[in-house]
Protein backbone atom coordinates (compact mmCIF):
# COMPACT_ATOMS: atom_id res chain seq x y z
CA MET A 1 0.22 10.89 -15.36
CA ASN A 2 -0.45 7.55 -13.32
CA ARG A 3 -1.00 5.94 -16.68
CA ALA A 4 2.15 7.11 -18.00
CA VAL A 5 4.41 5.68 -14.88
CA LEU A 6 2.44 2.68 -15.28
CA THR A 7 2.88 2.01 -18.81
CA LYS A 8 6.85 3.13 -17.89
CA GLY A 9 6.82 1.00 -14.78
CA ILE A 10 5.87 -2.08 -17.02
CA SER A 11 8.22 -1.79 -19.72
CA GLN A 12 11.47 -1.53 -17.16
CA LEU A 13 10.36 -4.26 -15.25
CA ARG A 14 9.94 -6.70 -18.54
CA GLU A 15 13.03 -5.42 -19.73
CA ALA A 16 14.66 -6.69 -16.00
CA GLY A 17 12.93 -10.15 -16.84
CA HIS A 18 10.40 -9.61 -14.51
CA TYR A 19 7.09 -11.66 -15.30
CA VAL A 20 4.44 -8.36 -14.59
CA GLN A 21 0.57 -9.55 -14.39
CA VAL A 22 -1.37 -5.70 -14.06
CA SER A 23 -5.28 -5.60 -12.92
CA ASP A 24 -6.39 -2.31 -14.09
CA LEU A 25 -9.42 -1.81 -11.84
CA TYR A 26 -11.08 0.50 -13.95
CA ALA A 27 -10.26 -1.17 -16.91
CA MET A 28 -11.80 -4.29 -15.35
CA GLY A 29 -15.12 -2.67 -14.33
CA TRP A 30 -14.45 -3.61 -10.93
CA ASN A 31 -16.49 -3.93 -8.38
CA PRO A 32 -15.51 -2.25 -5.25
CA VAL A 33 -18.40 -3.18 -3.37
CA VAL A 34 -18.97 -5.89 -0.66
CA ASP A 35 -22.07 -7.97 -1.08
CA ARG A 36 -23.55 -11.45 -0.58
CA GLY A 37 -22.38 -12.40 -3.76
CA ASP A 38 -18.95 -12.51 -3.17
CA VAL A 39 -19.15 -15.54 -1.14
CA GLY A 40 -21.26 -17.79 -3.01
CA HIS A 41 -23.50 -19.64 -0.38
CA ASP A 42 -26.50 -18.85 1.58
CA VAL A 43 -25.58 -16.43 4.60
CA GLY A 44 -28.66 -16.63 6.28
CA ASN A 45 -30.41 -13.28 7.92
CA ARG A 46 -26.88 -11.94 8.90
CA PHE A 47 -24.11 -11.16 6.48
CA VAL A 48 -20.80 -11.56 8.64
CA ILE A 49 -17.99 -10.46 6.64
CA GLY A 50 -14.88 -11.61 7.88
CA ALA A 51 -16.33 -15.23 8.60
CA GLU A 52 -18.42 -15.62 5.29
CA GLN A 53 -15.36 -14.69 3.17
CA GLU A 54 -13.46 -17.04 5.12
CA ARG A 55 -16.18 -20.01 4.79
CA GLY A 56 -15.99 -18.54 0.74
CA TYR A 57 -12.22 -18.42 0.57
CA ARG A 58 -11.89 -22.33 1.95
CA GLY A 59 -14.87 -23.74 0.36
CA GLY A 60 -13.55 -22.30 -3.18
CA THR A 61 -17.15 -20.24 -3.32
CA LEU A 62 -15.61 -16.86 -3.83
CA SER A 63 -16.86 -14.81 -6.76
CA GLU A 64 -14.32 -15.28 -10.14
CA ASP A 65 -12.96 -11.68 -9.92
CA ILE A 66 -11.85 -12.40 -6.07
CA ARG A 67 -10.25 -15.96 -6.95
CA ALA A 68 -8.84 -14.38 -9.97
CA GLU A 69 -7.10 -11.72 -7.97
CA HIS A 70 -6.01 -14.55 -5.27
CA THR A 71 -4.36 -16.30 -8.09
CA LYS A 72 -2.32 -13.33 -9.03
CA LEU A 73 -1.45 -12.64 -5.55
CA ALA A 74 -0.13 -15.99 -4.88
CA ARG A 75 1.92 -16.43 -7.85
CA ALA A 76 3.60 -12.45 -6.66
CA ASP A 77 6.87 -12.17 -4.97
CA ALA A 78 6.10 -8.18 -4.90
CA VAL A 79 3.29 -6.11 -5.75
CA ILE A 80 2.63 -2.58 -6.56
CA PHE A 81 -0.35 -0.41 -5.58
CA GLN A 82 -0.42 2.65 -8.35
CA PHE A 83 -3.13 5.35 -7.32
CA PRO A 84 -3.52 9.09 -7.00
CA LEU A 85 -4.37 9.98 -3.28
CA TRP A 86 -7.97 11.08 -2.94
CA TRP A 87 -8.90 12.36 -0.06
CA LEU A 88 -5.89 11.26 2.02
CA GLY A 89 -6.63 8.04 0.69
CA PRO A 90 -6.78 5.61 -2.31
CA PRO A 91 -9.64 5.78 -4.55
CA ALA A 92 -12.72 4.11 -3.74
CA ILE A 93 -12.46 1.11 -6.30
CA LEU A 94 -9.03 0.28 -4.55
CA LYS A 95 -10.47 0.25 -1.35
CA GLY A 96 -12.88 -1.63 -2.23
CA TRP A 97 -10.52 -4.16 -3.87
CA PHE A 98 -8.79 -4.24 -0.01
CA ASP A 99 -11.93 -4.94 0.75
CA ARG A 100 -13.30 -7.36 -0.94
CA VAL A 101 -9.31 -9.21 -2.00
CA LEU A 102 -7.63 -9.47 1.11
CA VAL A 103 -10.17 -11.55 2.85
CA GLN A 104 -9.93 -13.43 6.21
CA GLY A 105 -8.54 -16.69 5.99
CA PHE A 106 -6.48 -15.54 2.90
CA ALA A 107 -4.44 -12.56 3.66
CA PHE A 108 -4.96 -12.17 7.56
CA GLY A 109 -6.49 -14.11 10.65
CA VAL A 110 -3.98 -16.91 9.69
CA THR A 111 -3.30 -19.10 12.52
CA GLY A 112 0.13 -20.72 12.56
CA THR A 113 0.73 -23.76 14.58
CA ASP A 114 1.09 -23.06 17.70
CA GLY A 115 -2.33 -21.22 17.40
CA ARG A 116 -1.25 -18.02 17.38
CA THR A 117 -2.72 -15.39 14.95
CA ARG A 118 0.18 -14.31 12.42
CA ARG A 119 -0.17 -10.61 11.74
CA TYR A 120 2.15 -7.53 11.44
CA GLY A 121 4.73 -8.88 9.89
CA ASP A 122 3.49 -12.17 9.42
CA GLY A 123 0.42 -13.61 7.93
CA GLY A 124 -0.74 -14.98 4.63
CA LEU A 125 1.15 -12.18 2.38
CA ALA A 126 4.02 -13.03 4.26
CA GLY A 127 7.54 -13.22 2.20
CA LYS A 128 5.98 -10.66 -0.84
CA ARG A 129 7.29 -7.18 -0.74
CA ALA A 130 5.04 -4.15 -1.25
CA LEU A 131 5.32 -0.88 -3.05
CA LEU A 132 2.81 2.04 -3.06
CA THR A 133 3.35 4.80 -5.60
CA THR A 134 0.94 7.76 -5.28
CA SER A 135 0.26 10.83 -6.55
CA VAL A 136 -0.89 13.81 -4.95
CA GLY A 137 -1.69 17.18 -6.02
CA ALA A 138 -0.18 19.36 -3.43
CA ARG A 139 3.15 20.39 -2.96
CA PRO A 140 5.84 18.60 -0.46
CA SER A 141 5.65 21.47 2.25
CA SER A 142 1.87 20.89 2.81
CA PHE A 143 2.49 16.96 3.48
CA GLY A 144 5.42 17.84 5.69
CA PRO A 145 6.14 17.74 9.72
CA ARG A 146 4.05 20.55 10.27
CA GLY A 147 2.00 20.72 7.29
CA ILE A 148 -1.53 21.45 6.75
CA HIS A 149 -2.55 18.02 5.15
CA GLY A 150 -0.53 15.87 7.80
CA ASP A 151 2.75 14.83 7.58
CA ILE A 152 2.38 11.88 4.80
CA ASP A 153 4.80 9.22 6.97
CA HIS A 154 1.24 9.54 8.75
CA VAL A 155 -1.05 10.09 6.05
CA LEU A 156 0.20 6.69 4.28
CA PHE A 157 0.54 4.90 7.64
CA PRO A 158 -2.94 2.63 7.38
CA LEU A 159 -2.14 1.04 4.40
CA LEU A 160 2.00 0.42 4.90
CA HIS A 161 0.87 -0.49 8.29
CA GLY A 162 -1.95 -1.47 8.98
CA THR A 163 -2.59 -3.07 5.36
CA PHE A 164 0.51 -4.25 4.07
CA PHE A 165 2.54 -4.71 7.34
CA TYR A 166 -0.12 -6.22 9.16
CA THR A 167 -0.69 -9.02 6.36
CA GLY A 168 3.34 -10.26 6.18
CA MET A 169 4.17 -8.23 3.21
CA ALA A 170 7.35 -6.07 3.84
CA ALA A 171 6.44 -2.60 2.96
CA LEU A 172 8.99 -0.57 0.91
CA PRO A 173 9.42 3.12 1.20
CA PRO A 174 6.90 4.53 -1.17
CA MET A 175 7.26 6.83 -4.04
CA VAL A 176 5.27 10.06 -4.05
CA VAL A 177 4.88 12.67 -6.23
CA TYR A 178 3.64 15.66 -5.49
CA GLY A 179 2.02 18.59 -8.24
CA ALA A 180 0.62 15.86 -10.39
CA ASP A 181 -2.71 17.30 -11.21
CA ARG A 182 -0.33 20.35 -12.51
CA MET A 183 2.67 18.40 -13.87
CA ASP A 184 3.85 19.11 -17.31
CA ASP A 185 6.60 17.29 -19.50
CA ALA A 186 9.59 18.46 -17.76
CA GLY A 187 8.06 17.31 -14.58
CA TYR A 188 6.97 13.78 -15.77
CA ARG A 189 10.77 13.28 -16.60
CA ALA A 190 11.77 14.54 -13.51
CA VAL A 191 10.15 11.66 -11.72
CA LEU A 192 11.43 8.74 -13.81
CA PRO A 193 14.69 8.85 -12.29
CA ASP A 194 12.95 7.80 -9.14
CA LEU A 195 10.75 5.30 -10.64
CA ARG A 196 13.69 3.66 -12.28
CA GLU A 197 15.68 3.11 -8.51
CA ARG A 198 12.55 2.10 -7.10
CA LEU A 199 11.78 -0.57 -9.35
CA ALA A 200 15.80 -1.56 -9.96
CA THR A 201 15.89 -1.91 -6.33
CA LEU A 202 12.20 -3.71 -5.85
CA PHE A 203 13.84 -6.70 -4.63
CA THR A 204 16.97 -5.43 -2.63
CA ALA A 205 15.51 -2.33 -0.86
CA GLU A 206 15.15 -1.79 2.92
CA PRO A 207 11.83 -2.16 4.07
CA LEU A 208 10.48 0.18 6.52
CA PRO A 209 11.55 -1.04 10.37
CA PHE A 210 7.97 -1.40 11.24
CA ARG A 211 8.09 -3.70 14.82
CA HIS A 212 6.78 -7.25 14.51
CA GLU A 213 3.76 -8.49 16.61
CA ASP A 214 5.86 -11.49 17.63
CA SER A 215 9.55 -9.91 18.76
CA GLY A 216 8.56 -9.44 22.05
CA ASP A 217 8.19 -5.38 21.54
CA TYR A 218 4.18 -5.41 22.82
CA ASP A 219 2.43 -7.02 25.77
CA ASP A 220 -0.29 -8.90 25.67
CA THR A 221 -2.78 -6.62 25.02
CA LEU A 222 -0.92 -5.63 22.09
CA VAL A 223 0.65 -2.02 23.68
CA LEU A 224 3.77 -1.24 23.27
CA ARG A 225 6.29 -2.09 26.69
CA PRO A 226 7.00 1.01 28.42
CA GLU A 227 11.18 0.48 28.10
CA LEU A 228 10.64 1.04 24.40
CA ALA A 229 10.62 4.57 23.24
CA PRO A 230 9.88 5.89 26.65
CA GLY A 231 7.66 8.56 27.09
CA GLN A 232 6.47 8.59 23.44
CA THR A 233 2.89 8.07 21.78
CA GLY A 234 1.33 8.20 18.47
CA LEU A 235 2.68 6.04 15.17
CA ASP A 236 6.70 6.68 15.35
CA VAL A 237 6.87 4.27 18.31
CA HIS A 238 5.84 1.32 15.92
CA TYR A 239 9.02 2.13 13.59
CA VAL A 240 12.24 -0.34 15.53
CA ARG A 241 14.77 1.71 17.80
CA ASP A 242 18.25 2.04 17.15
CA GLU A 243 19.66 1.08 20.22
CA THR A 244 23.21 2.67 19.02
CA SER A 245 22.24 6.12 18.18
CA GLY A 246 19.18 6.20 20.27
CA ARG A 247 16.78 6.88 17.98
CA ASP A 248 13.49 5.96 16.41
CA VAL A 249 14.98 4.40 13.27
CA VAL A 250 11.79 6.01 10.79
CA ALA A 251 12.03 6.44 7.10
CA HIS A 252 10.88 9.66 6.09
CA TYR A 253 9.99 9.18 2.56
CA GLY A 254 8.05 12.31 2.59
CA THR A 255 11.05 14.40 2.32
CA THR A 256 12.70 12.59 -0.46
CA ALA A 257 9.88 11.83 -2.68
CA VAL A 258 9.89 13.45 -6.26
CA ASP A 259 8.71 17.41 -6.05
CA THR A 260 7.33 18.93 -9.02
CA SER A 261 5.10 21.23 -7.81
CA ARG A 262 7.24 24.59 -8.72
CA ALA A 263 7.31 23.32 -12.21
CA ALA A 264 4.06 22.33 -12.09
CA ARG A 265 2.77 25.81 -10.90
CA ARG A 266 4.88 27.57 -13.55
CA SER A 267 3.27 25.47 -16.52
CA PRO A 268 -0.41 24.52 -15.82
CA SER A 269 -1.66 21.47 -17.72
CA PRO A 270 -4.33 21.75 -20.27
CA GLY A 271 -8.14 21.44 -19.14
CA GLY A 272 -6.88 22.41 -15.38
CA GLY A 273 -4.56 19.34 -14.86
CA ARG A 274 -7.74 17.50 -14.15
CA LEU A 275 -6.14 13.75 -13.19
CA PRO A 276 -8.24 11.03 -15.22
CA ALA A 277 -9.89 8.87 -12.95
CA ARG A 278 -7.79 5.48 -13.44
CA SER A 279 -5.79 3.66 -11.13
CA SER A 280 -3.76 0.37 -11.11
CA GLY A 281 -4.81 -2.10 -8.66
CA SER A 282 -1.94 -4.49 -8.05
């Protein structure tokens, strides 16, 4: 299913006149493990990963596979991360892409002319948009506000806020496909209208309204000021508050994601509906 969505998405983007590059991590034989060979220089007795990655980036000695991904990211106006959700996160190969590619000095740990660290709404990838498309085997209710797996808004927060937004990218509401491992042809066709809409609005859709670090909403210890979302805690306080309605502007994208779980349960796919171990990194 993920391969079919990838192929359909590439076709739509190219038909719309976009230039598309794909990093198929499995096909590339991507190495997901950070090691000393990434940086291309002697690191001595202690490998301080962040500092040595930045040294390698600034010195142009990072390994060729990492530099190739940097070139793709530098050219991109938008980055789409497509993957099946495994153990409530991306597959290890994609997590390793984040670890090896989004290095200090390139994606984060960047300072402005005033000496301020640029992050959470600013950073090395500022000006780009990020769209996450993921598939899960469970039904939507189990990822709802009281679902056993946890609210999908919170499950995806580390990627949307802690990775995309942290590095400066505008995080778009993600596309979540439920019941994917048991999906039949009818279920797949039900996904396509949402996919078409997400890609057609890739450069016009409103990003998730996360609070920027430099907005003044946080104090010097990076804690939300007490007058904002008073008495509230948790992840939702990091979304911008709508002062007109008095509510936090939170995009509960889990409630609008494609629900194919019922059709999937009626018509199990061959082979037990196991997903192929493939993922598109960017």
